[in-house]
């Protein structure tokens, strides 16, 4: 009812729990991280074990330019842990998942 009066929709209504996690392109991820697109593209060139690497997925393309996508929830979790190198962050995520399975 409140949504009808104000014209706003809740985040839950936009992204129901059974919907796939939205992915962002480079421009959207840069805005989310509050960095420039140039900085983000430079970070994508780093190896996962290097400081300043960012969790991302490269899409296969026929052209010379890479197309990257970023998982919104992964970026949020990565930022929440202090932006560690991606390889370290993925190990922490895996350890957390294993710990939750045992509980």
C-alpha atoms as a PDB file:
ATOM      1  CA  UNK A   1       0.000   0.000   0.000  1.00  0.00           C
ATOM      2  CA  UNK A   2       2.765   2.390   0.909  1.00  0.00           C
ATOM      3  CA  UNK A   3       4.390   1.643  -2.438  1.00  0.00           C
ATOM      4  CA  UNK A   4       1.269   2.789  -4.272  1.00  0.00           C
ATOM      5  CA  UNK A   5       1.101   6.105  -2.445  1.00  0.00           C
ATOM      6  CA  UNK A   6       4.733   7.084  -2.880  1.00  0.00           C
ATOM      7  CA  UNK A   7       5.311   5.520  -6.285  1.00  0.00           C
ATOM      8  CA  UNK A   8       8.376   3.702  -4.961  1.00  0.00           C
ATOM      9  CA  UNK A   9       9.074   0.004  -5.107  1.00  0.00           C
ATOM     10  CA  UNK A  10      11.025  -1.917  -2.552  1.00  0.00           C
ATOM     11  CA  UNK A  11      14.314  -3.621  -3.372  1.00  0.00           C
ATOM     12  CA  UNK A  12      12.653  -6.965  -2.625  1.00  0.00           C
ATOM     13  CA  UNK A  13       9.985  -6.289  -5.240  1.00  0.00           C
ATOM     14  CA  UNK A  14      12.659  -5.423  -7.821  1.00  0.00           C
ATOM     15  CA  UNK A  15      14.848  -8.418  -7.021  1.00  0.00           C
ATOM     16  CA  UNK A  16      12.823 -11.297  -5.572  1.00  0.00           C
ATOM     17  CA  UNK A  17      14.821 -13.947  -3.764  1.00  0.00           C
ATOM     18  CA  UNK A  18      14.259 -16.526  -6.501  1.00  0.00           C
ATOM     19  CA  UNK A  19      15.531 -14.223  -9.273  1.00  0.00           C
ATOM     20  CA  UNK A  20      19.080 -14.650 -10.571  1.00  0.00           C
ATOM     21  CA  UNK A  21      21.700 -12.312  -9.124  1.00  0.00           C
ATOM     22  CA  UNK A  22      22.074  -9.261 -11.344  1.00  0.00           C
ATOM     23  CA  UNK A  23      25.369  -8.692 -13.086  1.00  0.00           C
ATOM     24  CA  UNK A  24      26.858  -5.290 -13.831  1.00  0.00           C
ATOM     25  CA  UNK A  25      29.021  -4.067 -16.685  1.00  0.00           C
ATOM     26  CA  UNK A  26      32.238  -2.074 -16.159  1.00  0.00           C
ATOM     27  CA  UNK A  27      30.523   1.312 -16.014  1.00  0.00           C
ATOM     28  CA  UNK A  28      27.907   0.151 -13.498  1.00  0.00           C
ATOM     29  CA  UNK A  29      30.519  -1.600 -11.334  1.00  0.00           C
ATOM     30  CA  UNK A  30      32.742   1.486 -11.333  1.00  0.00           C
ATOM     31  CA  UNK A  31      29.812   3.596 -10.161  1.00  0.00           C
ATOM     32  CA  UNK A  32      28.966   1.027  -7.480  1.00  0.00           C
ATOM     33  CA  UNK A  33      32.583   0.930  -6.247  1.00  0.00           C
ATOM     34  CA  UNK A  34      32.899   4.730  -6.546  1.00  0.00           C
ATOM     35  CA  UNK A  35      36.007   4.486  -8.731  1.00  0.00           C
ATOM     36  CA  UNK A  36      36.723   5.560 -12.284  1.00  0.00           C
ATOM     37  CA  UNK A  37      36.203   3.187 -15.195  1.00  0.00           C
ATOM     38  CA  UNK A  38      39.903   3.590 -15.987  1.00  0.00           C
ATOM     39  CA  UNK A  39      40.910   2.433 -12.478  1.00  0.00           C
ATOM     40  CA  UNK A  40      38.599  -0.561 -12.721  1.00  0.00           C
ATOM     41  CA  UNK A  41      39.957  -1.585 -16.131  1.00  0.00           C
ATOM     42  CA  UNK A  42      43.493  -1.348 -14.723  1.00  0.00           C
ATOM     43  CA  UNK A  43      42.464  -3.493 -11.735  1.00  0.00           C
ATOM     44  CA  UNK A  44      41.087  -6.125 -14.135  1.00  0.00           C
ATOM     45  CA  UNK A  45      44.595  -6.547 -15.583  1.00  0.00           C
ATOM     46  CA  UNK A  46      45.978  -7.597 -12.190  1.00  0.00           C
ATOM     47  CA  UNK A  47      46.440 -11.243 -11.280  1.00  0.00           C
ATOM     48  CA  UNK A  48      43.999 -12.628  -8.664  1.00  0.00           C
ATOM     49  CA  UNK A  49      46.768 -12.915  -6.040  1.00  0.00           C
ATOM     50  CA  UNK A  50      47.846  -9.284  -6.492  1.00  0.00           C
ATOM     51  CA  UNK A  51      46.659  -6.458  -4.324  1.00  0.00           C
ATOM     52  CA  UNK A  52      43.991  -4.364  -6.046  1.00  0.00           C
ATOM     53  CA  UNK A  53      42.447  -7.224  -8.004  1.00  0.00           C
ATOM     54  CA  UNK A  54      38.647  -7.212  -8.310  1.00  0.00           C
ATOM     55  CA  UNK A  55      36.226 -10.187  -8.494  1.00  0.00           C
ATOM     56  CA  UNK A  56      34.943 -10.286 -12.081  1.00  0.00           C
ATOM     57  CA  UNK A  57      33.988 -12.641 -14.888  1.00  0.00           C
ATOM     58  CA  UNK A  58      35.361 -12.327 -18.413  1.00  0.00           C
ATOM     59  CA  UNK A  59      32.910 -13.184 -21.156  1.00  0.00           C
ATOM     60  CA  UNK A  60      34.241 -14.936 -24.259  1.00  0.00           C
ATOM     61  CA  UNK A  61      34.144 -12.665 -27.287  1.00  0.00           C
ATOM     62  CA  UNK A  62      35.325 -12.886 -30.867  1.00  0.00           C
ATOM     63  CA  UNK A  63      36.706  -9.350 -30.846  1.00  0.00           C
ATOM     64  CA  UNK A  64      39.879  -7.970 -29.351  1.00  0.00           C
ATOM     65  CA  UNK A  65      38.186  -6.268 -26.394  1.00  0.00           C
ATOM     66  CA  UNK A  66      37.317  -8.186 -23.245  1.00  0.00           C
ATOM     67  CA  UNK A  67      33.802  -7.975 -21.899  1.00  0.00           C
ATOM     68  CA  UNK A  68      33.665  -8.115 -18.111  1.00  0.00           C
ATOM     69  CA  UNK A  69      30.724  -8.645 -15.793  1.00  0.00           C
ATOM     70  CA  UNK A  70      30.563  -8.173 -12.049  1.00  0.00           C
ATOM     71  CA  UNK A  71      28.270  -9.912  -9.610  1.00  0.00           C
ATOM     72  CA  UNK A  72      26.623  -7.287  -7.412  1.00  0.00           C
ATOM     73  CA  UNK A  73      26.528  -9.484  -4.296  1.00  0.00           C
ATOM     74  CA  UNK A  74      30.158 -10.575  -4.733  1.00  0.00           C
ATOM     75  CA  UNK A  75      31.343  -6.971  -5.020  1.00  0.00           C
ATOM     76  CA  UNK A  76      29.368  -6.048  -1.910  1.00  0.00           C
ATOM     77  CA  UNK A  77      30.852  -8.971   0.072  1.00  0.00           C
ATOM     78  CA  UNK A  78      34.349  -8.226  -1.264  1.00  0.00           C
ATOM     79  CA  UNK A  79      34.087  -4.586  -0.158  1.00  0.00           C
ATOM     80  CA  UNK A  80      32.716  -5.668   3.231  1.00  0.00           C
ATOM     81  CA  UNK A  81      35.849  -7.777   3.841  1.00  0.00           C
ATOM     82  CA  UNK A  82      38.172  -4.855   3.100  1.00  0.00           C
ATOM     83  CA  UNK A  83      38.899  -5.438  -0.616  1.00  0.00           C
ATOM     84  CA  UNK A  84      41.565  -8.160  -0.270  1.00  0.00           C
ATOM     85  CA  UNK A  85      43.249  -9.744  -3.316  1.00  0.00           C
ATOM     86  CA  UNK A  86      40.656 -11.839  -5.143  1.00  0.00           C
ATOM     87  CA  UNK A  87      42.472 -15.149  -4.600  1.00  0.00           C
ATOM     88  CA  UNK A  88      42.522 -14.559  -0.822  1.00  0.00           C
ATOM     89  CA  UNK A  89      38.891 -13.422  -0.822  1.00  0.00           C
ATOM     90  CA  UNK A  90      37.736 -16.511  -2.733  1.00  0.00           C
ATOM     91  CA  UNK A  91      39.562 -18.739  -0.197  1.00  0.00           C
ATOM     92  CA  UNK A  92      37.785 -16.930   2.649  1.00  0.00           C
ATOM     93  CA  UNK A  93      34.423 -17.367   0.906  1.00  0.00           C
ATOM     94  CA  UNK A  94      35.058 -21.089   0.401  1.00  0.00           C
ATOM     95  CA  UNK A  95      36.071 -21.517   4.054  1.00  0.00           C
ATOM     96  CA  UNK A  96      32.868 -19.743   5.131  1.00  0.00           C
ATOM     97  CA  UNK A  97      30.765 -22.012   2.924  1.00  0.00           C
ATOM     98  CA  UNK A  98      32.429 -25.137   4.324  1.00  0.00           C
ATOM     99  CA  UNK A  99      31.874 -23.878   7.867  1.00  0.00           C
ATOM    100  CA  UNK A 100      28.174 -23.267   7.219  1.00  0.00           C
ATOM    101  CA  UNK A 101      27.701 -26.753   5.727  1.00  0.00           C
ATOM    102  CA  UNK A 102      29.049 -28.361   8.904  1.00  0.00           C
ATOM    103  CA  UNK A 103      26.703 -26.386  11.153  1.00  0.00           C
END
